[in-house]
Amino acid sequence: MCVFEATNELDMAFNAKISAIIRVGKGYKNTCTPVKMGGVDIPFKASTRYLGVFLCNSKEFKMSVSQPRAAFYKALNGLLSKGRGKFDDVVMLHLIKTFCSPLLIYGS
């Protein structure tokens, strides 16, 4: 039984437009036969975001930290540029802890 037939029997639905396939293992660089869901090709991607964590295709399971790190620096630079000289150090540290730190910690 095909996976998609089983999901139809269970009344589950997949959205092929927002789905992606990443490969993990020895043959992660090999080209594969296109996978179709409801007549729509599901793309093979080098990385994809799942629950806030960026998963990458590679020989072993691997997560990327470059996107969360960039979001952290963007938020930090925004706070520092707008709050320079306006807030006490304690207030600035609290703002950084509240707005910037969760960007790094989420998903870890």
PDB file of N, CA and C in Angstrom:
ATOM      1  N   MET A   1       0.844  -1.181   0.000  1.00  0.00           N
ATOM      2  CA  MET A   1       0.000   0.000   0.000  1.00  0.00           C
ATOM      3  C   MET A   1       0.885   1.238   0.000  1.00  0.00           C
ATOM      4  N   CYS A   2       0.577   2.168  -0.837  1.00  0.00           N
ATOM      5  CA  CYS A   2       1.316   3.422  -0.936  1.00  0.00           C
ATOM      6  C   CYS A   2       1.010   4.292   0.280  1.00  0.00           C
ATOM      7  N   VAL A   3       1.991   5.080   0.692  1.00  0.00           N
ATOM      8  CA  VAL A   3       1.811   5.963   1.844  1.00  0.00           C
ATOM      9  C   VAL A   3       0.656   6.922   1.617  1.00  0.00           C
ATOM     10  N   PHE A   4       0.544   7.435   0.407  1.00  0.00           N
ATOM     11  CA  PHE A   4      -0.495   8.417   0.118  1.00  0.00           C
ATOM     12  C   PHE A   4      -1.880   7.778   0.120  1.00  0.00           C
ATOM     13  N   GLU A   5      -1.959   6.495  -0.265  1.00  0.00           N
ATOM     14  CA  GLU A   5      -3.236   5.793  -0.177  1.00  0.00           C
ATOM     15  C   GLU A   5      -3.626   5.607   1.286  1.00  0.00           C
ATOM     16  N   ALA A   6      -2.647   5.308   2.129  1.00  0.00           N
ATOM     17  CA  ALA A   6      -2.928   5.136   3.549  1.00  0.00           C
ATOM     18  C   ALA A   6      -3.395   6.441   4.178  1.00  0.00           C
ATOM     19  N   THR A   7      -2.807   7.548   3.779  1.00  0.00           N
ATOM     20  CA  THR A   7      -3.241   8.834   4.337  1.00  0.00           C
ATOM     21  C   THR A   7      -4.649   9.177   3.886  1.00  0.00           C
ATOM     22  N   ASN A   8      -5.012   8.781   2.681  1.00  0.00           N
ATOM     23  CA  ASN A   8      -6.387   9.007   2.222  1.00  0.00           C
ATOM     24  C   ASN A   8      -7.371   8.190   3.051  1.00  0.00           C
ATOM     25  N   GLU A   9      -6.998   6.943   3.374  1.00  0.00           N
ATOM     26  CA  GLU A   9      -7.868   6.104   4.189  1.00  0.00           C
ATOM     27  C   GLU A   9      -8.032   6.669   5.600  1.00  0.00           C
ATOM     28  N   LEU A  10      -6.980   7.304   6.110  1.00  0.00           N
ATOM     29  CA  LEU A  10      -7.034   7.887   7.459  1.00  0.00           C
ATOM     30  C   LEU A  10      -7.557   9.320   7.445  1.00  0.00           C
ATOM     31  N   ASP A  11      -7.942   9.805   6.278  1.00  0.00           N
ATOM     32  CA  ASP A  11      -8.465  11.160   6.104  1.00  0.00           C
ATOM     33  C   ASP A  11      -7.441  12.214   6.531  1.00  0.00           C
ATOM     34  N   MET A  12      -6.173  11.983   6.152  1.00  0.00           N
ATOM     35  CA  MET A  12      -5.094  12.943   6.402  1.00  0.00           C
ATOM     36  C   MET A  12      -4.762  13.629   5.084  1.00  0.00           C
ATOM     37  N   ALA A  13      -4.257  14.843   5.187  1.00  0.00           N
ATOM     38  CA  ALA A  13      -3.911  15.579   3.978  1.00  0.00           C
ATOM     39  C   ALA A  13      -2.506  16.161   4.102  1.00  0.00           C
ATOM     40  N   PHE A  14      -1.778  16.150   3.006  1.00  0.00           N
ATOM     41  CA  PHE A  14      -0.464  16.774   2.924  1.00  0.00           C
ATOM     42  C   PHE A  14      -0.560  17.934   1.950  1.00  0.00           C
ATOM     43  N   ASN A  15       0.183  18.992   2.212  1.00  0.00           N
ATOM     44  CA  ASN A  15       0.250  20.111   1.291  1.00  0.00           C
ATOM     45  C   ASN A  15       1.569  20.000   0.531  1.00  0.00           C
ATOM     46  N   ALA A  16       1.499  19.571  -0.702  1.00  0.00           N
ATOM     47  CA  ALA A  16       2.709  19.351  -1.498  1.00  0.00           C
ATOM     48  C   ALA A  16       3.439  20.650  -1.800  1.00  0.00           C
ATOM     49  N   LYS A  17       2.728  21.779  -1.795  1.00  0.00           N
ATOM     50  CA  LYS A  17       3.358  23.054  -2.124  1.00  0.00           C
ATOM     51  C   LYS A  17       4.322  23.516  -1.042  1.00  0.00           C
ATOM     52  N   ILE A  18       4.101  23.126   0.205  1.00  0.00           N
ATOM     53  CA  ILE A  18       4.997  23.565   1.283  1.00  0.00           C
ATOM     54  C   ILE A  18       5.867  22.428   1.795  1.00  0.00           C
ATOM     55  N   SER A  19       5.797  21.269   1.163  1.00  0.00           N
ATOM     56  CA  SER A  19       6.605  20.127   1.568  1.00  0.00           C
ATOM     57  C   SER A  19       7.959  20.174   0.869  1.00  0.00           C
ATOM     58  N   ALA A  20       8.934  19.528   1.480  1.00  0.00           N
ATOM     59  CA  ALA A  20      10.271  19.439   0.896  1.00  0.00           C
ATOM     60  C   ALA A  20      10.901  18.117   1.315  1.00  0.00           C
ATOM     61  N   ILE A  21      11.862  17.676   0.543  1.00  0.00           N
ATOM     62  CA  ILE A  21      12.580  16.445   0.847  1.00  0.00           C
ATOM     63  C   ILE A  21      14.050  16.788   1.028  1.00  0.00           C
ATOM     64  N   ILE A  22      14.625  16.313   2.128  1.00  0.00           N
ATOM     65  CA  ILE A  22      16.074  16.393   2.303  1.00  0.00           C
ATOM     66  C   ILE A  22      16.580  14.962   2.447  1.00  0.00           C
ATOM     67  N   ARG A  23      17.788  14.745   2.004  1.00  0.00           N
ATOM     68  CA  ARG A  23      18.364  13.402   2.057  1.00  0.00           C
ATOM     69  C   ARG A  23      19.478  13.365   3.074  1.00  0.00           C
ATOM     70  N   VAL A  24      19.496  12.288   3.846  1.00  0.00           N
ATOM     71  CA  VAL A  24      20.529  12.075   4.847  1.00  0.00           C
ATOM     72  C   VAL A  24      21.066  10.667   4.648  1.00  0.00           C
ATOM     73  N   GLY A  25      22.365  10.547   4.550  1.00  0.00           N
ATOM     74  CA  GLY A  25      22.977   9.238   4.374  1.00  0.00           C
ATOM     75  C   GLY A  25      24.083   9.274   3.341  1.00  0.00           C
ATOM     76  N   LYS A  26      24.615   8.112   3.045  1.00  0.00           N
ATOM     77  CA  LYS A  26      25.759   8.019   2.131  1.00  0.00           C
ATOM     78  C   LYS A  26      25.470   8.570   0.746  1.00  0.00           C
ATOM     79  N   GLY A  27      24.285   8.333   0.227  1.00  0.00           N
ATOM     80  CA  GLY A  27      23.964   8.758  -1.127  1.00  0.00           C
ATOM     81  C   GLY A  27      23.193  10.061  -1.189  1.00  0.00           C
ATOM     82  N   TYR A  28      23.444  10.976  -0.256  1.00  0.00           N
ATOM     83  CA  TYR A  28      22.657  12.206  -0.208  1.00  0.00           C
ATOM     84  C   TYR A  28      22.867  13.104  -1.422  1.00  0.00           C
ATOM     85  N   LYS A  29      23.990  12.941  -2.142  1.00  0.00           N
ATOM     86  CA  LYS A  29      24.252  13.781  -3.320  1.00  0.00           C
ATOM     87  C   LYS A  29      23.702  13.179  -4.608  1.00  0.00           C
ATOM     88  N   ASN A  30      23.289  11.929  -4.569  1.00  0.00           N
ATOM     89  CA  ASN A  30      22.776  11.267  -5.773  1.00  0.00           C
ATOM     90  C   ASN A  30      21.449  11.879  -6.186  1.00  0.00           C
ATOM     91  N   THR A  31      21.224  11.887  -7.493  1.00  0.00           N
ATOM     92  CA  THR A  31      19.933  12.373  -7.980  1.00  0.00           C
ATOM     93  C   THR A  31      18.899  11.260  -7.839  1.00  0.00           C
ATOM     94  N   CYS A  32      17.686  11.649  -7.593  1.00  0.00           N
ATOM     95  CA  CYS A  32      16.618  10.687  -7.357  1.00  0.00           C
ATOM     96  C   CYS A  32      15.473  10.923  -8.319  1.00  0.00           C
ATOM     97  N   THR A  33      14.637   9.942  -8.412  1.00  0.00           N
ATOM     98  CA  THR A  33      13.415  10.073  -9.190  1.00  0.00           C
ATOM     99  C   THR A  33      12.513  11.078  -8.480  1.00  0.00           C
ATOM    100  N   PRO A  34      11.904  11.987  -9.208  1.00  0.00           N
ATOM    101  CA  PRO A  34      11.024  12.957  -8.567  1.00  0.00           C
ATOM    102  C   PRO A  34       9.878  12.280  -7.808  1.00  0.00           C
ATOM    103  N   VAL A  35       9.561  12.825  -6.665  1.00  0.00           N
ATOM    104  CA  VAL A  35       8.461  12.318  -5.844  1.00  0.00           C
ATOM    105  C   VAL A  35       7.274  13.242  -6.072  1.00  0.00           C
ATOM    106  N   LYS A  36       6.152  12.641  -6.379  1.00  0.00           N
ATOM    107  CA  LYS A  36       4.946  13.435  -6.640  1.00  0.00           C
ATOM    108  C   LYS A  36       3.927  13.176  -5.546  1.00  0.00           C
ATOM    109  N   MET A  37       3.226  14.235  -5.202  1.00  0.00           N
ATOM    110  CA  MET A  37       2.138  14.124  -4.246  1.00  0.00           C
ATOM    111  C   MET A  37       0.954  14.882  -4.834  1.00  0.00           C
ATOM    112  N   GLY A  38      -0.080  14.167  -5.156  1.00  0.00           N
ATOM    113  CA  GLY A  38      -1.235  14.804  -5.764  1.00  0.00           C
ATOM    114  C   GLY A  38      -0.920  15.435  -7.106  1.00  0.00           C
ATOM    115  N   GLY A  39       0.018  14.846  -7.846  1.00  0.00           N
ATOM    116  CA  GLY A  39       0.393  15.370  -9.152  1.00  0.00           C
ATOM    117  C   GLY A  39       1.396  16.509  -9.106  1.00  0.00           C
ATOM    118  N   VAL A  40       1.829  16.910  -7.910  1.00  0.00           N
ATOM    119  CA  VAL A  40       2.779  18.012  -7.755  1.00  0.00           C
ATOM    120  C   VAL A  40       4.124  17.435  -7.305  1.00  0.00           C
ATOM    121  N   ASP A  41       5.204  17.846  -7.981  1.00  0.00           N
ATOM    122  CA  ASP A  41       6.546  17.401  -7.580  1.00  0.00           C
ATOM    123  C   ASP A  41       6.929  18.024  -6.244  1.00  0.00           C
ATOM    124  N   ILE A  42       7.478  17.202  -5.350  1.00  0.00           N
ATOM    125  CA  ILE A  42       8.009  17.706  -4.084  1.00  0.00           C
ATOM    126  C   ILE A  42       9.500  17.950  -4.307  1.00  0.00           C
ATOM    127  N   PRO A  43       9.975  19.175  -4.066  1.00  0.00           N
ATOM    128  CA  PRO A  43      11.374  19.483  -4.377  1.00  0.00           C
ATOM    129  C   PRO A  43      12.356  18.876  -3.379  1.00  0.00           C
ATOM    130  N   PHE A  44      13.523  18.508  -3.890  1.00  0.00           N
ATOM    131  CA  PHE A  44      14.644  18.108  -3.044  1.00  0.00           C
ATOM    132  C   PHE A  44      15.395  19.381  -2.686  1.00  0.00           C
ATOM    133  N   LYS A  45      15.633  19.623  -1.408  1.00  0.00           N
ATOM    134  CA  LYS A  45      16.299  20.846  -0.976  1.00  0.00           C
ATOM    135  C   LYS A  45      17.561  20.517  -0.182  1.00  0.00           C
ATOM    136  N   ALA A  46      18.477  21.481  -0.138  1.00  0.00           N
ATOM    137  CA  ALA A  46      19.704  21.316   0.631  1.00  0.00           C
ATOM    138  C   ALA A  46      19.434  21.504   2.122  1.00  0.00           C
ATOM    139  N   SER A  47      18.464  22.338   2.457  1.00  0.00           N
ATOM    140  CA  SER A  47      18.074  22.508   3.861  1.00  0.00           C
ATOM    141  C   SER A  47      16.616  22.942   3.909  1.00  0.00           C
ATOM    142  N   THR A  48      15.990  22.638   5.021  1.00  0.00           N
ATOM    143  CA  THR A  48      14.596  23.023   5.210  1.00  0.00           C
ATOM    144  C   THR A  48      14.353  23.305   6.680  1.00  0.00           C
ATOM    145  N   ARG A  49      13.378  24.147   6.929  1.00  0.00           N
ATOM    146  CA  ARG A  49      13.056  24.522   8.301  1.00  0.00           C
ATOM    147  C   ARG A  49      11.921  23.643   8.812  1.00  0.00           C
ATOM    148  N   TYR A  50      12.119  23.050   9.987  1.00  0.00           N
ATOM    149  CA  TYR A  50      11.103  22.223  10.612  1.00  0.00           C
ATOM    150  C   TYR A  50      11.037  22.597  12.082  1.00  0.00           C
ATOM    151  N   LEU A  51       9.918  23.149  12.504  1.00  0.00           N
ATOM    152  CA  LEU A  51       9.709  23.580  13.885  1.00  0.00           C
ATOM    153  C   LEU A  51      10.805  24.519  14.364  1.00  0.00           C
ATOM    154  N   GLY A  52      11.219  25.421  13.502  1.00  0.00           N
ATOM    155  CA  GLY A  52      12.217  26.419  13.874  1.00  0.00           C
ATOM    156  C   GLY A  52      13.656  25.958  13.786  1.00  0.00           C
ATOM    157  N   VAL A  53      13.870  24.704  13.442  1.00  0.00           N
ATOM    158  CA  VAL A  53      15.215  24.152  13.331  1.00  0.00           C
ATOM    159  C   VAL A  53      15.501  23.907  11.857  1.00  0.00           C
ATOM    160  N   PHE A  54      16.671  24.304  11.392  1.00  0.00           N
ATOM    161  CA  PHE A  54      17.041  24.114   9.996  1.00  0.00           C
ATOM    162  C   PHE A  54      17.795  22.797   9.848  1.00  0.00           C
ATOM    163  N   LEU A  55      17.189  21.863   9.122  1.00  0.00           N
ATOM    164  CA  LEU A  55      17.793  20.557   8.869  1.00  0.00           C
ATOM    165  C   LEU A  55      18.487  20.594   7.524  1.00  0.00           C
ATOM    166  N   CYS A  56      19.667  19.985   7.445  1.00  0.00           N
ATOM    167  CA  CYS A  56      20.470  20.020   6.214  1.00  0.00           C
ATOM    168  C   CYS A  56      20.684  18.617   5.683  1.00  0.00           C
ATOM    169  N   ASN A  57      20.783  18.513   4.348  1.00  0.00           N
ATOM    170  CA  ASN A  57      21.130  17.213   3.793  1.00  0.00           C
ATOM    171  C   ASN A  57      22.639  17.039   3.906  1.00  0.00           C
ATOM    172  N   SER A  58      23.045  15.864   4.317  1.00  0.00           N
ATOM    173  CA  SER A  58      24.462  15.558   4.472  1.00  0.00           C
ATOM    174  C   SER A  58      24.619  14.062   4.710  1.00  0.00           C
ATOM    175  N   LYS A  59      25.843  13.656   4.900  1.00  0.00           N
ATOM    176  CA  LYS A  59      26.123  12.241   5.131  1.00  0.00           C
ATOM    177  C   LYS A  59      25.566  11.777   6.471  1.00  0.00           C
ATOM    178  N   GLU A  60      25.564  12.674   7.455  1.00  0.00           N
ATOM    179  CA  GLU A  60      25.021  12.381   8.781  1.00  0.00           C
ATOM    180  C   GLU A  60      23.972  13.432   9.120  1.00  0.00           C
ATOM    181  N   PHE A  61      23.119  13.150  10.099  1.00  0.00           N
ATOM    182  CA  PHE A  61      22.100  14.103  10.509  1.00  0.00           C
ATOM    183  C   PHE A  61      22.781  15.396  10.941  1.00  0.00           C
ATOM    184  N   LYS A  62      22.313  16.525  10.400  1.00  0.00           N
ATOM    185  CA  LYS A  62      22.980  17.796  10.648  1.00  0.00           C
ATOM    186  C   LYS A  62      21.951  18.920  10.687  1.00  0.00           C
ATOM    187  N   MET A  63      22.145  19.816  11.638  1.00  0.00           N
ATOM    188  CA  MET A  63      21.294  20.998  11.739  1.00  0.00           C
ATOM    189  C   MET A  63      22.153  22.225  11.513  1.00  0.00           C
ATOM    190  N   SER A  64      21.568  23.235  10.889  1.00  0.00           N
ATOM    191  CA  SER A  64      22.278  24.472  10.611  1.00  0.00           C
ATOM    192  C   SER A  64      21.959  25.498  11.690  1.00  0.00           C
ATOM    193  N   VAL A  65      22.988  26.222  12.128  1.00  0.00           N
ATOM    194  CA  VAL A  65      22.790  27.279  13.124  1.00  0.00           C
ATOM    195  C   VAL A  65      23.030  28.661  12.525  1.00  0.00           C
ATOM    196  N   SER A  66      23.306  28.734  11.240  1.00  0.00           N
ATOM    197  CA  SER A  66      23.632  30.038  10.655  1.00  0.00           C
ATOM    198  C   SER A  66      22.413  30.962  10.587  1.00  0.00           C
ATOM    199  N   GLN A  67      21.234  30.437  10.271  1.00  0.00           N
ATOM    200  CA  GLN A  67      20.046  31.292  10.193  1.00  0.00           C
ATOM    201  C   GLN A  67      19.626  31.815  11.567  1.00  0.00           C
ATOM    202  N   PRO A  68      19.538  30.966  12.613  1.00  0.00           N
ATOM    203  CA  PRO A  68      19.210  31.512  13.934  1.00  0.00           C
ATOM    204  C   PRO A  68      20.266  32.497  14.451  1.00  0.00           C
ATOM    205  N   ARG A  69      21.526  32.228  14.144  1.00  0.00           N
ATOM    206  CA  ARG A  69      22.589  33.131  14.576  1.00  0.00           C
ATOM    207  C   ARG A  69      22.444  34.486  13.888  1.00  0.00           C
ATOM    208  N   ALA A  70      22.115  34.485  12.603  1.00  0.00           N
ATOM    209  CA  ALA A  70      21.913  35.737  11.877  1.00  0.00           C
ATOM    210  C   ALA A  70      20.710  36.505  12.432  1.00  0.00           C
ATOM    211  N   ALA A  71      19.633  35.800  12.790  1.00  0.00           N
ATOM    212  CA  ALA A  71      18.464  36.454  13.381  1.00  0.00           C
ATOM    213  C   ALA A  71      18.810  37.059  14.741  1.00  0.00           C
ATOM    214  N   PHE A  72      19.643  36.356  15.511  1.00  0.00           N
ATOM    215  CA  PHE A  72      20.081  36.870  16.810  1.00  0.00           C
ATOM    216  C   PHE A  72      20.870  38.166  16.633  1.00  0.00           C
ATOM    217  N   TYR A  73      21.842  38.162  15.728  1.00  0.00           N
ATOM    218  CA  TYR A  73      22.654  39.371  15.509  1.00  0.00           C
ATOM    219  C   TYR A  73      21.818  40.520  14.961  1.00  0.00           C
ATOM    220  N   LYS A  74      20.844  40.220  14.124  1.00  0.00           N
ATOM    221  CA  LYS A  74      19.970  41.260  13.592  1.00  0.00           C
ATOM    222  C   LYS A  74      19.170  41.907  14.716  1.00  0.00           C
ATOM    223  N   ALA A  75      18.602  41.097  15.605  1.00  0.00           N
ATOM    224  CA  ALA A  75      17.835  41.631  16.729  1.00  0.00           C
ATOM    225  C   ALA A  75      18.740  42.388  17.694  1.00  0.00           C
ATOM    226  N   LEU A  76      19.931  41.858  17.956  1.00  0.00           N
ATOM    227  CA  LEU A  76      20.872  42.511  18.861  1.00  0.00           C
ATOM    228  C   LEU A  76      21.324  43.855  18.313  1.00  0.00           C
ATOM    229  N   ASN A  77      21.667  43.899  17.034  1.00  0.00           N
ATOM    230  CA  ASN A  77      22.088  45.166  16.428  1.00  0.00           C
ATOM    231  C   ASN A  77      20.966  46.191  16.426  1.00  0.00           C
ATOM    232  N   GLY A  78      19.741  45.732  16.211  1.00  0.00           N
ATOM    233  CA  GLY A  78      18.600  46.641  16.267  1.00  0.00           C
ATOM    234  C   GLY A  78      18.420  47.248  17.646  1.00  0.00           C
ATOM    235  N   LEU A  79      18.532  46.413  18.677  1.00  0.00           N
ATOM    236  CA  LEU A  79      18.422  46.927  20.052  1.00  0.00           C
ATOM    237  C   LEU A  79      19.555  47.886  20.384  1.00  0.00           C
ATOM    238  N   LEU A  80      20.759  47.510  20.024  1.00  0.00           N
ATOM    239  CA  LEU A  80      21.910  48.347  20.364  1.00  0.00           C
ATOM    240  C   LEU A  80      21.887  49.676  19.619  1.00  0.00           C
ATOM    241  N   SER A  81      21.447  49.667  18.373  1.00  0.00           N
ATOM    242  CA  SER A  81      21.437  50.920  17.616  1.00  0.00           C
ATOM    243  C   SER A  81      20.333  51.868  18.091  1.00  0.00           C
ATOM    244  N   LYS A  82      19.204  51.331  18.490  1.00  0.00           N
ATOM    245  CA  LYS A  82      18.097  52.181  18.924  1.00  0.00           C
ATOM    246  C   LYS A  82      18.174  52.551  20.399  1.00  0.00           C
ATOM    247  N   GLY A  83      18.825  51.722  21.191  1.00  0.00           N
ATOM    248  CA  GLY A  83      18.828  51.958  22.626  1.00  0.00           C
ATOM    249  C   GLY A  83      20.120  52.510  23.188  1.00  0.00           C
ATOM    250  N   ARG A  84      21.067  52.806  22.329  1.00  0.00           N
ATOM    251  CA  ARG A  84      22.368  53.284  22.806  1.00  0.00           C
ATOM    252  C   ARG A  84      22.208  54.617  23.534  1.00  0.00           C
ATOM    253  N   GLY A  85      22.574  54.632  24.811  1.00  0.00           N
ATOM    254  CA  GLY A  85      22.523  55.845  25.612  1.00  0.00           C
ATOM    255  C   GLY A  85      21.144  56.160  26.173  1.00  0.00           C
ATOM    256  N   LYS A  86      20.108  55.432  25.748  1.00  0.00           N
ATOM    257  CA  LYS A  86      18.763  55.702  26.232  1.00  0.00           C
ATOM    258  C   LYS A  86      18.403  54.865  27.461  1.00  0.00           C
ATOM    259  N   PHE A  87      19.010  53.691  27.568  1.00  0.00           N
ATOM    260  CA  PHE A  87      18.665  52.770  28.646  1.00  0.00           C
ATOM    261  C   PHE A  87      19.852  52.507  29.553  1.00  0.00           C
ATOM    262  N   ASP A  88      19.545  52.164  30.777  1.00  0.00           N
ATOM    263  CA  ASP A  88      20.548  51.721  31.733  1.00  0.00           C
ATOM    264  C   ASP A  88      21.080  50.352  31.269  1.00  0.00           C
ATOM    265  N   ASP A  89      22.264  49.969  31.721  1.00  0.00           N
ATOM    266  CA  ASP A  89      22.851  48.689  31.318  1.00  0.00           C
ATOM    267  C   ASP A  89      21.984  47.508  31.732  1.00  0.00           C
ATOM    268  N   VAL A  90      21.392  47.592  32.913  1.00  0.00           N
ATOM    269  CA  VAL A  90      20.551  46.501  33.397  1.00  0.00           C
ATOM    270  C   VAL A  90      19.317  46.339  32.507  1.00  0.00           C
ATOM    271  N   VAL A  91      18.737  47.446  32.114  1.00  0.00           N
ATOM    272  CA  VAL A  91      17.570  47.403  31.233  1.00  0.00           C
ATOM    273  C   VAL A  91      17.965  46.834  29.870  1.00  0.00           C
ATOM    274  N   MET A  92      19.105  47.257  29.337  1.00  0.00           N
ATOM    275  CA  MET A  92      19.558  46.757  28.039  1.00  0.00           C
ATOM    276  C   MET A  92      19.828  45.252  28.102  1.00  0.00           C
ATOM    277  N   LEU A  93      20.435  44.772  29.177  1.00  0.00           N
ATOM    278  CA  LEU A  93      20.671  43.331  29.312  1.00  0.00           C
ATOM    279  C   LEU A  93      19.355  42.563  29.393  1.00  0.00           C
ATOM    280  N   HIS A  94      18.378  43.130  30.086  1.00  0.00           N
ATOM    281  CA  HIS A  94      17.073  42.480  30.160  1.00  0.00           C
ATOM    282  C   HIS A  94      16.406  42.431  28.778  1.00  0.00           C
ATOM    283  N   LEU A  95      16.520  43.495  28.011  1.00  0.00           N
ATOM    284  CA  LEU A  95      15.954  43.502  26.655  1.00  0.00           C
ATOM    285  C   LEU A  95      16.639  42.468  25.757  1.00  0.00           C
ATOM    286  N   ILE A  96      17.950  42.378  25.876  1.00  0.00           N
ATOM    287  CA  ILE A  96      18.696  41.388  25.086  1.00  0.00           C
ATOM    288  C   ILE A  96      18.284  39.979  25.489  1.00  0.00           C
ATOM    289  N   LYS A  97      18.164  39.752  26.797  1.00  0.00           N
ATOM    290  CA  LYS A  97      17.754  38.428  27.287  1.00  0.00           C
ATOM    291  C   LYS A  97      16.347  38.093  26.818  1.00  0.00           C
ATOM    292  N   THR A  98      15.459  39.085  26.785  1.00  0.00           N
ATOM    293  CA  THR A  98      14.060  38.859  26.426  1.00  0.00           C
ATOM    294  C   THR A  98      13.860  38.698  24.924  1.00  0.00           C
ATOM    295  N   PHE A  99      14.490  39.547  24.111  1.00  0.00           N
ATOM    296  CA  PHE A  99      14.210  39.567  22.679  1.00  0.00           C
ATOM    297  C   PHE A  99      15.231  38.822  21.822  1.00  0.00           C
ATOM    298  N   CYS A 100      16.470  38.742  22.254  1.00  0.00           N
ATOM    299  CA  CYS A 100      17.510  38.160  21.398  1.00  0.00           C
ATOM    300  C   CYS A 100      17.843  36.709  21.748  1.00  0.00           C
ATOM    301  N   SER A 101      17.974  36.419  23.027  1.00  0.00           N
ATOM    302  CA  SER A 101      18.370  35.070  23.445  1.00  0.00           C
ATOM    303  C   SER A 101      17.427  33.976  22.971  1.00  0.00           C
ATOM    304  N   PRO A 102      16.097  34.171  22.999  1.00  0.00           N
ATOM    305  CA  PRO A 102      15.226  33.102  22.525  1.00  0.00           C
ATOM    306  C   PRO A 102      15.464  32.708  21.058  1.00  0.00           C
ATOM    307  N   LEU A 103      15.980  33.624  20.266  1.00  0.00           N
ATOM    308  CA  LEU A 103      16.256  33.303  18.870  1.00  0.00           C
ATOM    309  C   LEU A 103      17.356  32.248  18.742  1.00  0.00           C
ATOM    310  N   LEU A 104      18.282  32.239  19.684  1.00  0.00           N
ATOM    311  CA  LEU A 104      19.348  31.237  19.678  1.00  0.00           C
ATOM    312  C   LEU A 104      18.933  29.957  20.393  1.00  0.00           C
ATOM    313  N   ILE A 105      18.172  30.098  21.442  1.00  0.00           N
ATOM    314  CA  ILE A 105      17.857  28.951  22.310  1.00  0.00           C
ATOM    315  C   ILE A 105      16.764  28.060  21.719  1.00  0.00           C
ATOM    316  N   TYR A 106      15.822  28.644  20.967  1.00  0.00           N
ATOM    317  CA  TYR A 106      14.698  27.870  20.446  1.00  0.00           C
ATOM    318  C   TYR A 106      15.182  26.701  19.589  1.00  0.00           C
ATOM    319  N   GLY A 107      14.693  25.545  19.893  1.00  0.00           N
ATOM    320  CA  GLY A 107      15.021  24.359  19.124  1.00  0.00           C
ATOM    321  C   GLY A 107      16.268  23.635  19.585  1.00  0.00           C
ATOM    322  N   SER A 108      16.954  24.176  20.590  1.00  0.00           N
ATOM    323  CA  SER A 108      18.173  23.500  21.053  1.00  0.00           C
ATOM    324  C   SER A 108      17.874  22.452  22.093  1.00  0.00           C
TER     325      SER A 108
END
